[in-house]
C-alpha atoms as a PDB file:
ATOM      1  CA  MET A   1      -0.064   0.076   0.589  1.00  0.00           C
ATOM      2  CA  ARG A   2       2.724   2.066   0.505  1.00  0.00           C
ATOM      3  CA  TRP A   3       3.968   3.028  -2.895  1.00  0.00           C
ATOM      4  CA  PHE A   4       0.155   3.259  -4.121  1.00  0.00           C
ATOM      5  CA  LEU A   5      -0.425   5.937  -2.046  1.00  0.00           C
ATOM      6  CA  ILE A   6       2.673   7.549  -2.706  1.00  0.00           C
ATOM      7  CA  TRP A   7       1.654   7.330  -6.415  1.00  0.00           C
ATOM      8  CA  VAL A   8      -1.832   8.506  -5.866  1.00  0.00           C
ATOM      9  CA  LEU A   9      -0.775  11.661  -3.927  1.00  0.00           C
ATOM     10  CA  GLY A  10       2.384  12.250  -6.503  1.00  0.00           C
ATOM     11  CA  MET A  11      -0.548  12.416  -9.560  1.00  0.00           C
ATOM     12  CA  ALA A  12      -1.991  14.914  -7.770  1.00  0.00           C
ATOM     13  CA  SER A  13       0.715  17.431  -7.611  1.00  0.00           C
ATOM     14  CA  LEU A  14      19.726  13.184 -27.644  1.00  0.00           C
ATOM     15  CA  CYS A  15      21.797  10.739 -28.371  1.00  0.00           C
ATOM     16  CA  ALA A  16      20.839   7.522 -29.869  1.00  0.00           C
ATOM     17  CA  ALA A  17      23.088   4.847 -29.307  1.00  0.00           C
ATOM     18  CA  VAL A  18      20.896   2.664 -31.765  1.00  0.00           C
ATOM     19  CA  THR A  19      18.245   4.108 -33.585  1.00  0.00           C
ATOM     20  CA  PRO A  20      14.470   2.333 -33.692  1.00  0.00           C
ATOM     21  CA  GLN A  21      13.287   1.133 -36.836  1.00  0.00           C
ATOM     22  CA  ALA A  22       9.930   2.130 -37.764  1.00  0.00           C
ATOM     23  CA  ALA A  23       7.259  -0.161 -36.808  1.00  0.00           C
ATOM     24  CA  SER A  24       4.646  -1.245 -39.513  1.00  0.00           C
ATOM     25  CA  ASN A  25       1.644  -1.192 -37.441  1.00  0.00           C
ATOM     26  CA  HIS A  26       0.543   2.619 -37.366  1.00  0.00           C
ATOM     27  CA  TRP A  27      -1.589   5.581 -37.883  1.00  0.00           C
ATOM     28  CA  ALA A  28      -0.755   8.317 -40.405  1.00  0.00           C
ATOM     29  CA  THR A  29      -2.543  10.431 -37.850  1.00  0.00           C
ATOM     30  CA  GLY A  30      -4.250  10.395 -35.174  1.00  0.00           C
ATOM     31  CA  ASN A  31      -3.638  14.063 -33.047  1.00  0.00           C
ATOM     32  CA  ARG A  32      -7.519  14.980 -33.092  1.00  0.00           C
ATOM     33  CA  VAL A  33     -10.221  13.650 -31.154  1.00  0.00           C
ATOM     34  CA  VAL A  34     -13.753  13.279 -32.657  1.00  0.00           C
ATOM     35  CA  ASN A  35     -15.848  11.400 -30.157  1.00  0.00           C
ATOM     36  CA  ARG A  36     -15.391  10.600 -26.379  1.00  0.00           C
ATOM     37  CA  THR A  37     -17.041   8.040 -24.268  1.00  0.00           C
ATOM     38  CA  VAL A  38     -16.462   7.807 -20.667  1.00  0.00           C
ATOM     39  CA  LEU A  39     -16.799   3.932 -18.520  1.00  0.00           C
ATOM     40  CA  VAL A  40     -16.962   4.049 -15.025  1.00  0.00           C
ATOM     41  CA  GLY A  41     -17.056   0.632 -14.026  1.00  0.00           C
ATOM     42  CA  PRO A  42     -19.621  -2.011 -12.654  1.00  0.00           C
ATOM     43  CA  SER A  43     -22.683  -0.125 -11.290  1.00  0.00           C
ATOM     44  CA  GLU A  44     -22.797  -2.267  -7.993  1.00  0.00           C
ATOM     45  CA  LEU A  45     -19.129  -1.048  -7.276  1.00  0.00           C
ATOM     46  CA  PRO A  46     -17.733   1.808  -9.672  1.00  0.00           C
ATOM     47  CA  PHE A  47     -14.186   2.207 -10.463  1.00  0.00           C
ATOM     48  CA  SER A  48     -11.872   3.520  -7.348  1.00  0.00           C
ATOM     49  CA  MET A  49      -8.656   4.831  -8.405  1.00  0.00           C
ATOM     50  CA  PRO A  50      -8.147   2.692 -11.471  1.00  0.00           C
ATOM     51  CA  THR A  51      -4.623   3.131 -12.943  1.00  0.00           C
ATOM     52  CA  ASP A  52      -3.982   0.988 -16.149  1.00  0.00           C
ATOM     53  CA  CYS A  53      -5.518  -0.506 -19.125  1.00  0.00           C
ATOM     54  CA  ALA A  54      -4.470  -2.572 -21.905  1.00  0.00           C
ATOM     55  CA  VAL A  55      -6.573  -3.870 -25.236  1.00  0.00           C
ATOM     56  CA  ALA A  56      -6.549  -7.017 -26.556  1.00  0.00           C
ATOM     57  CA  PRO A  57      -6.212  -8.448 -29.818  1.00  0.00           C
ATOM     58  CA  ASN A  58     -10.066  -8.937 -30.119  1.00  0.00           C
ATOM     59  CA  GLY A  59     -10.607  -5.250 -28.940  1.00  0.00           C
ATOM     60  CA  ASN A  60     -11.682  -6.377 -25.403  1.00  0.00           C
ATOM     61  CA  LEU A  61     -10.375  -3.500 -22.902  1.00  0.00           C
ATOM     62  CA  TYR A  62      -8.888  -4.674 -19.773  1.00  0.00           C
ATOM     63  CA  VAL A  63      -8.638  -2.023 -16.911  1.00  0.00           C
ATOM     64  CA  LEU A  64      -6.834  -2.633 -13.808  1.00  0.00           C
ATOM     65  CA  ASP A  65      -9.083  -0.959 -10.893  1.00  0.00           C
ATOM     66  CA  GLY A  66      -6.564  -1.509  -8.032  1.00  0.00           C
ATOM     67  CA  VAL A  67      -8.443   0.159  -4.863  1.00  0.00           C
ATOM     68  CA  ASN A  68     -10.857  -2.456  -5.629  1.00  0.00           C
ATOM     69  CA  HIS A  69      -8.466  -5.447  -6.479  1.00  0.00           C
ATOM     70  CA  ARG A  70      -9.871  -6.393  -9.627  1.00  0.00           C
ATOM     71  CA  VAL A  71      -9.521  -6.249 -13.760  1.00  0.00           C
ATOM     72  CA  VAL A  72     -12.674  -4.969 -15.435  1.00  0.00           C
ATOM     73  CA  VAL A  73     -13.531  -6.165 -18.873  1.00  0.00           C
ATOM     74  CA  TYR A  74     -15.392  -4.386 -21.638  1.00  0.00           C
ATOM     75  CA  ASP A  75     -15.776  -5.401 -25.381  1.00  0.00           C
ATOM     76  CA  GLU A  76     -14.736  -2.622 -27.669  1.00  0.00           C
ATOM     77  CA  LYS A  77     -18.521  -1.236 -27.798  1.00  0.00           C
ATOM     78  CA  GLY A  78     -17.961  -0.468 -24.460  1.00  0.00           C
ATOM     79  CA  THR A  79     -20.309  -3.145 -23.027  1.00  0.00           C
ATOM     80  CA  LEU A  80     -19.139  -4.586 -19.885  1.00  0.00           C
ATOM     81  CA  LEU A  81     -18.310  -8.182 -19.869  1.00  0.00           C
ATOM     82  CA  ARG A  82     -16.671  -9.360 -16.826  1.00  0.00           C
ATOM     83  CA  GLN A  83     -14.330  -8.730 -13.734  1.00  0.00           C
ATOM     84  CA  PHE A  84     -12.147 -10.931 -11.788  1.00  0.00           C
ATOM     85  CA  GLY A  85      -9.845 -10.569  -8.838  1.00  0.00           C
ATOM     86  CA  SER A  86     -10.240  -9.736  -5.349  1.00  0.00           C
ATOM     87  CA  GLN A  87      -8.005  -8.644  -2.505  1.00  0.00           C
ATOM     88  CA  GLY A  88      -5.578 -10.897  -0.841  1.00  0.00           C
ATOM     89  CA  ASN A  89      -2.261 -12.965  -1.495  1.00  0.00           C
ATOM     90  CA  GLY A  90      -3.555 -16.364  -2.836  1.00  0.00           C
ATOM     91  CA  PRO A  91      -3.672 -17.264  -6.646  1.00  0.00           C
ATOM     92  CA  GLY A  92      -5.970 -14.942  -8.954  1.00  0.00           C
ATOM     93  CA  GLN A  93      -6.052 -12.201  -5.560  1.00  0.00           C
ATOM     94  CA  PHE A  94      -4.377  -8.935  -5.963  1.00  0.00           C
ATOM     95  CA  GLU A  95      -3.072  -6.410  -3.453  1.00  0.00           C
ATOM     96  CA  PHE A  96      -3.210  -3.291  -4.925  1.00  0.00           C
ATOM     97  CA  PRO A  97      -2.018  -3.896  -8.465  1.00  0.00           C
ATOM     98  CA  LEU A  98      -0.911  -1.419 -10.499  1.00  0.00           C
ATOM     99  CA  GLY A  99      -0.126  -2.051 -14.050  1.00  0.00           C
ATOM    100  CA  LEU A 100      -1.002  -4.669 -16.734  1.00  0.00           C
ATOM    101  CA  CYS A 101      -0.498  -5.940 -20.582  1.00  0.00           C
ATOM    102  CA  VAL A 102      -2.491  -8.270 -22.845  1.00  0.00           C
ATOM    103  CA  THR A 103      -0.550 -10.428 -25.292  1.00  0.00           C
ATOM    104  CA  PRO A 104      -1.050 -11.707 -28.989  1.00  0.00           C
ATOM    105  CA  ASP A 105      -2.340 -15.025 -27.569  1.00  0.00           C
ATOM    106  CA  GLY A 106      -4.662 -13.194 -25.012  1.00  0.00           C
ATOM    107  CA  HIS A 107      -3.176 -13.705 -21.835  1.00  0.00           C
ATOM    108  CA  VAL A 108      -3.132 -10.858 -19.504  1.00  0.00           C
ATOM    109  CA  TYR A 109      -0.261 -10.137 -17.360  1.00  0.00           C
ATOM    110  CA  VAL A 110      -0.940  -8.117 -14.243  1.00  0.00           C
ATOM    111  CA  ALA A 111       1.907  -6.392 -11.672  1.00  0.00           C
ATOM    112  CA  ASP A 112       0.442  -7.387  -8.402  1.00  0.00           C
ATOM    113  CA  SER A 113       2.313  -4.838  -6.762  1.00  0.00           C
ATOM    114  CA  GLY A 114       1.359  -5.245  -3.230  1.00  0.00           C
ATOM    115  CA  ASN A 115       1.880  -8.768  -3.375  1.00  0.00           C
ATOM    116  CA  SER A 116       5.455  -8.531  -5.007  1.00  0.00           C
ATOM    117  CA  ARG A 117       4.710 -10.473  -7.828  1.00  0.00           C
ATOM    118  CA  PHE A 118       3.017 -10.740 -11.431  1.00  0.00           C
ATOM    119  CA  GLN A 119       0.044 -13.182 -12.360  1.00  0.00           C
ATOM    120  CA  VAL A 120      -0.812 -14.401 -15.527  1.00  0.00           C
ATOM    121  CA  PHE A 121      -4.412 -15.050 -16.619  1.00  0.00           C
ATOM    122  CA  SER A 122      -6.792 -16.160 -19.662  1.00  0.00           C
ATOM    123  CA  SER A 123      -8.784 -14.106 -21.480  1.00  0.00           C
ATOM    124  CA  GLU A 124     -11.635 -15.173 -19.359  1.00  0.00           C
ATOM    125  CA  GLY A 125      -9.926 -14.438 -15.785  1.00  0.00           C
ATOM    126  CA  ASP A 126      -9.064 -17.623 -14.929  1.00  0.00           C
ATOM    127  CA  VAL A 127      -5.655 -17.637 -13.420  1.00  0.00           C
ATOM    128  CA  ILE A 128      -2.244 -19.714 -14.965  1.00  0.00           C
ATOM    129  CA  GLU A 129       0.322 -18.787 -12.767  1.00  0.00           C
ATOM    130  CA  ALA A 130       1.785 -16.272  -9.892  1.00  0.00           C
ATOM    131  CA  VAL A 131       5.447 -15.406 -10.268  1.00  0.00           C
ATOM    132  CA  ALA A 132       7.219 -13.767  -7.272  1.00  0.00           C
ATOM    133  CA  VAL A 133       9.592 -11.036  -8.419  1.00  0.00           C
ATOM    134  CA  PRO A 134      12.658 -11.274  -6.430  1.00  0.00           C
ATOM    135  CA  LYS A 135      14.710  -8.695  -4.580  1.00  0.00           C
ATOM    136  CA  THR A 136      18.564  -8.786  -5.752  1.00  0.00           C
ATOM    137  CA  GLY A 137      21.243  -7.431  -3.573  1.00  0.00           C
ATOM    138  CA  ALA A 138      20.305  -4.674  -0.901  1.00  0.00           C
ATOM    139  CA  ASP A 139      17.227  -4.320  -2.644  1.00  0.00           C
ATOM    140  CA  VAL A 140      14.025  -3.661  -0.555  1.00  0.00           C
ATOM    141  CA  LEU A 141      11.070  -5.764  -1.031  1.00  0.00           C
ATOM    142  CA  SER A 142      10.431  -5.590  -5.464  1.00  0.00           C
ATOM    143  CA  ASP A 143       7.578  -3.390  -6.282  1.00  0.00           C
ATOM    144  CA  PRO A 144       6.462  -4.490  -9.624  1.00  0.00           C
ATOM    145  CA  THR A 145       4.396  -1.606 -11.044  1.00  0.00           C
ATOM    146  CA  ASP A 146       3.801  -2.551 -14.678  1.00  0.00           C
ATOM    147  CA  VAL A 147       4.685  -5.697 -17.086  1.00  0.00           C
ATOM    148  CA  ILE A 148       5.271  -5.690 -20.987  1.00  0.00           C
ATOM    149  CA  VAL A 149       5.925  -9.028 -23.413  1.00  0.00           C
ATOM    150  CA  ASN A 150       8.177  -9.389 -25.833  1.00  0.00           C
ATOM    151  CA  PRO A 151       6.428 -12.413 -27.916  1.00  0.00           C
ATOM    152  CA  ARG A 152       9.476 -12.315 -30.330  1.00  0.00           C
ATOM    153  CA  LEU A 153      11.986 -12.815 -28.048  1.00  0.00           C
ATOM    154  CA  ASN A 154       9.637 -14.654 -25.353  1.00  0.00           C
ATOM    155  CA  ARG A 155      10.748 -12.118 -22.886  1.00  0.00           C
ATOM    156  CA  LEU A 156       8.772 -10.150 -20.236  1.00  0.00           C
ATOM    157  CA  TYR A 157      10.286  -7.127 -18.508  1.00  0.00           C
ATOM    158  CA  VAL A 158       8.729  -5.913 -15.030  1.00  0.00           C
ATOM    159  CA  VAL A 159       9.235  -2.428 -13.642  1.00  0.00           C
ATOM    160  CA  ASP A 160      10.369  -2.758  -9.883  1.00  0.00           C
ATOM    161  CA  ASN A 161       9.578   0.743  -8.875  1.00  0.00           C
ATOM    162  CA  ASP A 162      10.848   1.263  -5.771  1.00  0.00           C
ATOM    163  CA  ASN A 163      14.330  -0.777  -6.774  1.00  0.00           C
ATOM    164  CA  HIS A 164      14.524   1.679  -9.924  1.00  0.00           C
ATOM    165  CA  LYS A 165      15.028  -1.367 -12.647  1.00  0.00           C
ATOM    166  CA  LEU A 166      13.684  -3.407 -14.839  1.00  0.00           C
ATOM    167  CA  HIS A 167      13.614  -7.319 -14.086  1.00  0.00           C
ATOM    168  CA  VAL A 168      13.907  -9.692 -17.278  1.00  0.00           C
ATOM    169  CA  TYR A 169      12.229 -12.886 -17.258  1.00  0.00           C
ATOM    170  CA  ASN A 170      12.685 -15.390 -19.745  1.00  0.00           C
ATOM    171  CA  LEU A 171       8.960 -16.998 -20.818  1.00  0.00           C
ATOM    172  CA  LEU A 172      10.503 -20.304 -22.055  1.00  0.00           C
ATOM    173  CA  SER A 173      12.823 -21.255 -18.890  1.00  0.00           C
ATOM    174  CA  ARG A 174      10.399 -19.353 -16.707  1.00  0.00           C
ATOM    175  CA  THR A 175      13.100 -17.771 -14.911  1.00  0.00           C
ATOM    176  CA  PHE A 176      14.722 -14.198 -14.012  1.00  0.00           C
ATOM    177  CA  GLU A 177      17.939 -13.842 -16.018  1.00  0.00           C
ATOM    178  CA  GLY A 178      18.826 -10.262 -15.176  1.00  0.00           C
ATOM    179  CA  VAL A 179      17.971  -6.801 -14.345  1.00  0.00           C
ATOM    180  CA  TRP A 180      18.499  -3.827 -16.271  1.00  0.00           C
ATOM    181  CA  GLY A 181      19.023   0.109 -14.682  1.00  0.00           C
ATOM    182  CA  GLY A 182      19.550   1.164 -11.377  1.00  0.00           C
ATOM    183  CA  PRO A 183      18.619   4.884  -9.349  1.00  0.00           C
ATOM    184  CA  GLY A 184      20.014   7.527 -10.845  1.00  0.00           C
ATOM    185  CA  GLN A 185      19.300  10.148 -13.795  1.00  0.00           C
ATOM    186  CA  GLY A 186      21.917   9.187 -16.681  1.00  0.00           C
ATOM    187  CA  ARG A 187      21.321   6.763 -19.403  1.00  0.00           C
ATOM    188  CA  ARG A 188      19.860   3.183 -18.451  1.00  0.00           C
ATOM    189  CA  GLN A 189      19.113   4.791 -15.351  1.00  0.00           C
ATOM    190  CA  PHE A 190      15.793   5.528 -13.326  1.00  0.00           C
ATOM    191  CA  ARG A 191      13.961   7.273 -10.583  1.00  0.00           C
ATOM    192  CA  TYR A 192      11.173   5.474  -9.526  1.00  0.00           C
ATOM    193  CA  PRO A 193      10.188   3.962 -13.128  1.00  0.00           C
ATOM    194  CA  PHE A 194       6.137   3.345 -12.884  1.00  0.00           C
ATOM    195  CA  LEU A 195       4.550   2.540 -16.348  1.00  0.00           C
ATOM    196  CA  LEU A 196       6.166   1.130 -20.153  1.00  0.00           C
ATOM    197  CA  ASP A 197       4.949   0.117 -23.220  1.00  0.00           C
ATOM    198  CA  ILE A 198       6.834  -1.704 -26.329  1.00  0.00           C
ATOM    199  CA  SER A 199       7.076  -1.177 -29.993  1.00  0.00           C
ATOM    200  CA  ASP A 200       6.380  -3.379 -32.669  1.00  0.00           C
ATOM    201  CA  GLN A 201      10.269  -3.668 -33.059  1.00  0.00           C
ATOM    202  CA  GLY A 202      10.630  -4.513 -29.421  1.00  0.00           C
ATOM    203  CA  TYR A 203      11.958  -0.948 -28.240  1.00  0.00           C
ATOM    204  CA  LEU A 204      10.987  -0.218 -24.433  1.00  0.00           C
ATOM    205  CA  PHE A 205       9.609   3.114 -23.772  1.00  0.00           C
ATOM    206  CA  ILE A 206       9.676   3.487 -20.020  1.00  0.00           C
ATOM    207  CA  VAL A 207       7.740   6.009 -17.973  1.00  0.00           C
ATOM    208  CA  GLU A 208       9.859   7.878 -15.210  1.00  0.00           C
ATOM    209  CA  PRO A 209       7.787  10.619 -13.240  1.00  0.00           C
ATOM    210  CA  ILE A 210      10.379  11.904 -11.022  1.00  0.00           C
ATOM    211  CA  ASN A 211      13.177  12.282 -13.900  1.00  0.00           C
ATOM    212  CA  THR A 212      10.294  13.660 -15.932  1.00  0.00           C
ATOM    213  CA  ARG A 213      10.848  11.525 -18.774  1.00  0.00           C
ATOM    214  CA  VAL A 214      10.352   8.518 -21.058  1.00  0.00           C
ATOM    215  CA  GLN A 215      13.603   6.336 -21.938  1.00  0.00           C
ATOM    216  CA  VAL A 216      13.639   4.121 -24.619  1.00  0.00           C
ATOM    217  CA  LEU A 217      15.934   0.894 -24.466  1.00  0.00           C
ATOM    218  CA  ASN A 218      16.646  -1.406 -27.202  1.00  0.00           C
ATOM    219  CA  PRO A 219      15.372  -5.043 -26.923  1.00  0.00           C
ATOM    220  CA  GLN A 220      18.702  -5.722 -25.872  1.00  0.00           C
ATOM    221  CA  GLY A 221      18.404  -3.343 -22.957  1.00  0.00           C
ATOM    222  CA  LYS A 222      20.715  -0.659 -24.510  1.00  0.00           C
ATOM    223  CA  PHE A 223      20.106   3.306 -23.822  1.00  0.00           C
ATOM    224  CA  VAL A 224      18.573   4.646 -27.090  1.00  0.00           C
ATOM    225  CA  ASN A 225      17.108   8.052 -26.421  1.00  0.00           C
ATOM    226  CA  PHE A 226      15.097  10.134 -24.051  1.00  0.00           C
ATOM    227  CA  VAL A 227      11.508  11.587 -24.777  1.00  0.00           C
ATOM    228  CA  GLY A 228      10.555  14.771 -22.837  1.00  0.00           C
ATOM    229  CA  GLN A 229      11.984  16.770 -20.558  1.00  0.00           C
ATOM    230  CA  TRP A 230      10.925  18.876 -17.373  1.00  0.00           C
ATOM    231  CA  GLY A 231       8.615  21.750 -17.739  1.00  0.00           C
ATOM    232  CA  VAL A 232       5.160  22.826 -18.244  1.00  0.00           C
ATOM    233  CA  LYS A 233       5.158  23.929 -21.584  1.00  0.00           C
ATOM    234  CA  SER A 234       3.756  21.962 -24.573  1.00  0.00           C
ATOM    235  CA  GLY A 235       6.223  19.454 -25.661  1.00  0.00           C
ATOM    236  CA  GLN A 236       7.610  19.151 -21.853  1.00  0.00           C
ATOM    237  CA  LEU A 237       6.580  16.720 -18.906  1.00  0.00           C
ATOM    238  CA  PHE A 238       5.966  17.486 -15.528  1.00  0.00           C
ATOM    239  CA  ARG A 239       4.475  14.571 -14.280  1.00  0.00           C
ATOM    240  CA  PRO A 240       4.665  11.830 -17.208  1.00  0.00           C
ATOM    241  CA  LYS A 241       2.586   8.446 -16.206  1.00  0.00           C
ATOM    242  CA  GLY A 242       1.602   6.329 -19.046  1.00  0.00           C
ATOM    243  CA  VAL A 243       2.821   5.873 -22.668  1.00  0.00           C
ATOM    244  CA  ALA A 244       1.447   3.849 -25.518  1.00  0.00           C
ATOM    245  CA  VAL A 245       3.246   3.708 -28.811  1.00  0.00           C
ATOM    246  CA  VAL A 246       1.742   3.574 -32.098  1.00  0.00           C
ATOM    247  CA  GLY A 247       3.983   3.321 -34.953  1.00  0.00           C
ATOM    248  CA  ARG A 248       6.514   6.237 -35.182  1.00  0.00           C
ATOM    249  CA  ARG A 249       3.891   8.024 -32.680  1.00  0.00           C
ATOM    250  CA  VAL A 250       4.258   7.932 -28.882  1.00  0.00           C
ATOM    251  CA  TYR A 251       1.517   9.288 -26.740  1.00  0.00           C
ATOM    252  CA  VAL A 252       2.466  10.312 -23.022  1.00  0.00           C
ATOM    253  CA  THR A 253      -0.135  11.353 -20.272  1.00  0.00           C
ATOM    254  CA  ASP A 254       0.745  13.803 -17.677  1.00  0.00           C
ATOM    255  CA  SER A 255      -0.947  13.562 -14.825  1.00  0.00           C
ATOM    256  CA  TYR A 256      -0.391  17.006 -13.550  1.00  0.00           C
ATOM    257  CA  LEU A 257      -0.934  18.975 -16.789  1.00  0.00           C
ATOM    258  CA  GLY A 258      -4.014  16.662 -17.598  1.00  0.00           C
ATOM    259  CA  ARG A 259      -3.140  16.281 -21.304  1.00  0.00           C
ATOM    260  CA  VAL A 260      -1.981  13.663 -23.479  1.00  0.00           C
ATOM    261  CA  GLN A 261       1.104  14.573 -25.574  1.00  0.00           C
ATOM    262  CA  MET A 262       2.643  13.211 -28.761  1.00  0.00           C
ATOM    263  CA  PHE A 263       6.334  12.781 -29.457  1.00  0.00           C
ATOM    264  CA  ASP A 264       7.998  10.711 -32.542  1.00  0.00           C
ATOM    265  CA  MET A 265      10.303   7.992 -31.562  1.00  0.00           C
ATOM    266  CA  TYR A 266      13.051  10.087 -31.605  1.00  0.00           C
ATOM    267  CA  GLY A 267      11.442  12.703 -28.961  1.00  0.00           C
ATOM    268  CA  GLU A 268      10.374  15.419 -31.014  1.00  0.00           C
ATOM    269  CA  PHE A 269       7.682  17.010 -30.228  1.00  0.00           C
ATOM    270  CA  LEU A 270       4.169  16.499 -32.043  1.00  0.00           C
ATOM    271  CA  GLY A 271       1.505  18.242 -30.623  1.00  0.00           C
ATOM    272  CA  VAL A 272      -0.961  18.123 -27.796  1.00  0.00           C
ATOM    273  CA  LEU A 273      -3.891  15.627 -28.255  1.00  0.00           C
ATOM    274  CA  SER A 274      -6.981  17.998 -28.983  1.00  0.00           C
ATOM    275  CA  ASP A 275     -10.331  18.211 -30.126  1.00  0.00           C
ATOM    276  CA  ALA A 276     -11.850  19.257 -33.862  1.00  0.00           C
ATOM    277  CA  THR A 277     -11.568  22.837 -32.495  1.00  0.00           C
ATOM    278  CA  GLY A 278      -7.847  22.277 -31.473  1.00  0.00           C
ATOM    279  CA  THR A 279      -8.340  22.794 -27.825  1.00  0.00           C
ATOM    280  CA  PRO A 280      -6.375  20.322 -25.862  1.00  0.00           C
ATOM    281  CA  VAL A 281      -8.789  17.471 -24.416  1.00  0.00           C
ATOM    282  CA  ALA A 282      -8.456  18.014 -20.533  1.00  0.00           C
ATOM    283  CA  LEU A 283      -8.152  14.831 -18.576  1.00  0.00           C
ATOM    284  CA  THR A 284      -8.177  14.303 -14.877  1.00  0.00           C
ATOM    285  CA  THR A 285      -5.116  12.702 -13.970  1.00  0.00           C
ATOM    286  CA  PRO A 286      -4.455  10.924 -16.854  1.00  0.00           C
ATOM    287  CA  THR A 287      -2.275   7.652 -16.060  1.00  0.00           C
ATOM    288  CA  GLY A 288      -2.601   4.680 -17.929  1.00  0.00           C
ATOM    289  CA  ILE A 289      -2.619   4.680 -21.926  1.00  0.00           C
ATOM    290  CA  SER A 290      -3.453   1.879 -24.363  1.00  0.00           C
ATOM    291  CA  ALA A 291      -4.323   1.703 -28.342  1.00  0.00           C
ATOM    292  CA  ASP A 292      -6.846   0.009 -30.151  1.00  0.00           C
ATOM    293  CA  ILE A 293      -5.347   0.195 -33.462  1.00  0.00           C
ATOM    294  CA  PRO A 294      -7.878  -0.952 -36.076  1.00  0.00           C
ATOM    295  CA  ASN A 295     -10.325   1.019 -34.436  1.00  0.00           C
ATOM    296  CA  LYS A 296      -8.560   3.942 -34.486  1.00  0.00           C
ATOM    297  CA  ARG A 297      -9.129   4.579 -30.614  1.00  0.00           C
ATOM    298  CA  LEU A 298      -7.045   5.775 -27.514  1.00  0.00           C
ATOM    299  CA  TYR A 299      -8.135   4.737 -24.021  1.00  0.00           C
ATOM    300  CA  VAL A 300      -6.638   6.861 -21.096  1.00  0.00           C
ATOM    301  CA  VAL A 301      -7.169   6.011 -17.672  1.00  0.00           C
ATOM    302  CA  GLU A 302      -8.287   9.079 -15.017  1.00  0.00           C
ATOM    303  CA  LEU A 303      -7.221   8.207 -12.069  1.00  0.00           C
ATOM    304  CA  LYS A 304      -8.907  10.825  -9.727  1.00  0.00           C
ATOM    305  CA  ALA A 305     -12.116  11.172 -11.792  1.00  0.00           C
ATOM    306  CA  ASN A 306     -12.227   7.423 -11.379  1.00  0.00           C
ATOM    307  CA  GLN A 307     -13.198   6.479 -15.135  1.00  0.00           C
ATOM    308  CA  VAL A 308     -11.460   5.439 -18.718  1.00  0.00           C
ATOM    309  CA  SER A 309     -12.182   7.837 -21.515  1.00  0.00           C
ATOM    310  CA  ARG A 310     -12.379   6.340 -24.804  1.00  0.00           C
ATOM    311  CA  LEU A 311     -11.000   8.411 -27.461  1.00  0.00           C
ATOM    312  CA  ASP A 312     -11.614   8.081 -31.171  1.00  0.00           C
ATOM    313  CA  VAL A 313      -8.824  10.032 -32.935  1.00  0.00           C
ATOM    314  CA  GLU A 314      -8.180  10.833 -36.625  1.00  0.00           C
END
């Protein structure tokens, strides 16, 4: 619970070593919102400080509702399908989970932060396994806040917030095989990394709210570049929280500024996500963000508003 409260409170208040290739799955545009729909969770128990979301290959949306210790599932039309999870440390239970992802085969990986583990579920919510995230050396207890899978390399990457690093997990041998990073502000260093995403080419985009940037690593863990720098003007980041990569376009949420900004993969500022009049779309502590590429749609979790905004873009 310690990290959850810290992050909730915090939400209120280029030299490239390797050049990333362009992804094939992309939008030519995607900077204007033409329709907005709000999802608030099941009527009997609405969302309470949701943090992250992920779109499945079939278009279903998985929302991580951490205070309620559950995952809520919608279809692409916004119809509530199911929910799974409860508070606890048993299989299929959560303790303030913070991040999740859905793989091409439909499996759901959840960073079960308070239990220092990640869990794997079927698309229907049946638990498959729970894997403890180890502490290394003088680390405090591991604090996984997000997970992402590289299906080409059969690797899972786990963000360890309190220990300022990424754990690399081999999905074939089912073992941890290394850690990347450490505390600091330099290349391949982190200060409380939070959420992350992966490009089609396997480049990792890790959000660092305290370092006010998104750090890009290649599939081998080598530094590529930074996206964003500290500030409150357009093109700057004050409290970045979530990231979604769509081809060459990188969408970054800023929980303090209440907006989504767009960059290219090299950190060049492209604009602020706006409505048809050119007015930036106002969001309440935007956190996790996920793209439904076939439907040209973004989902943005608004933590303090206890909702998810579905944004159709063009």
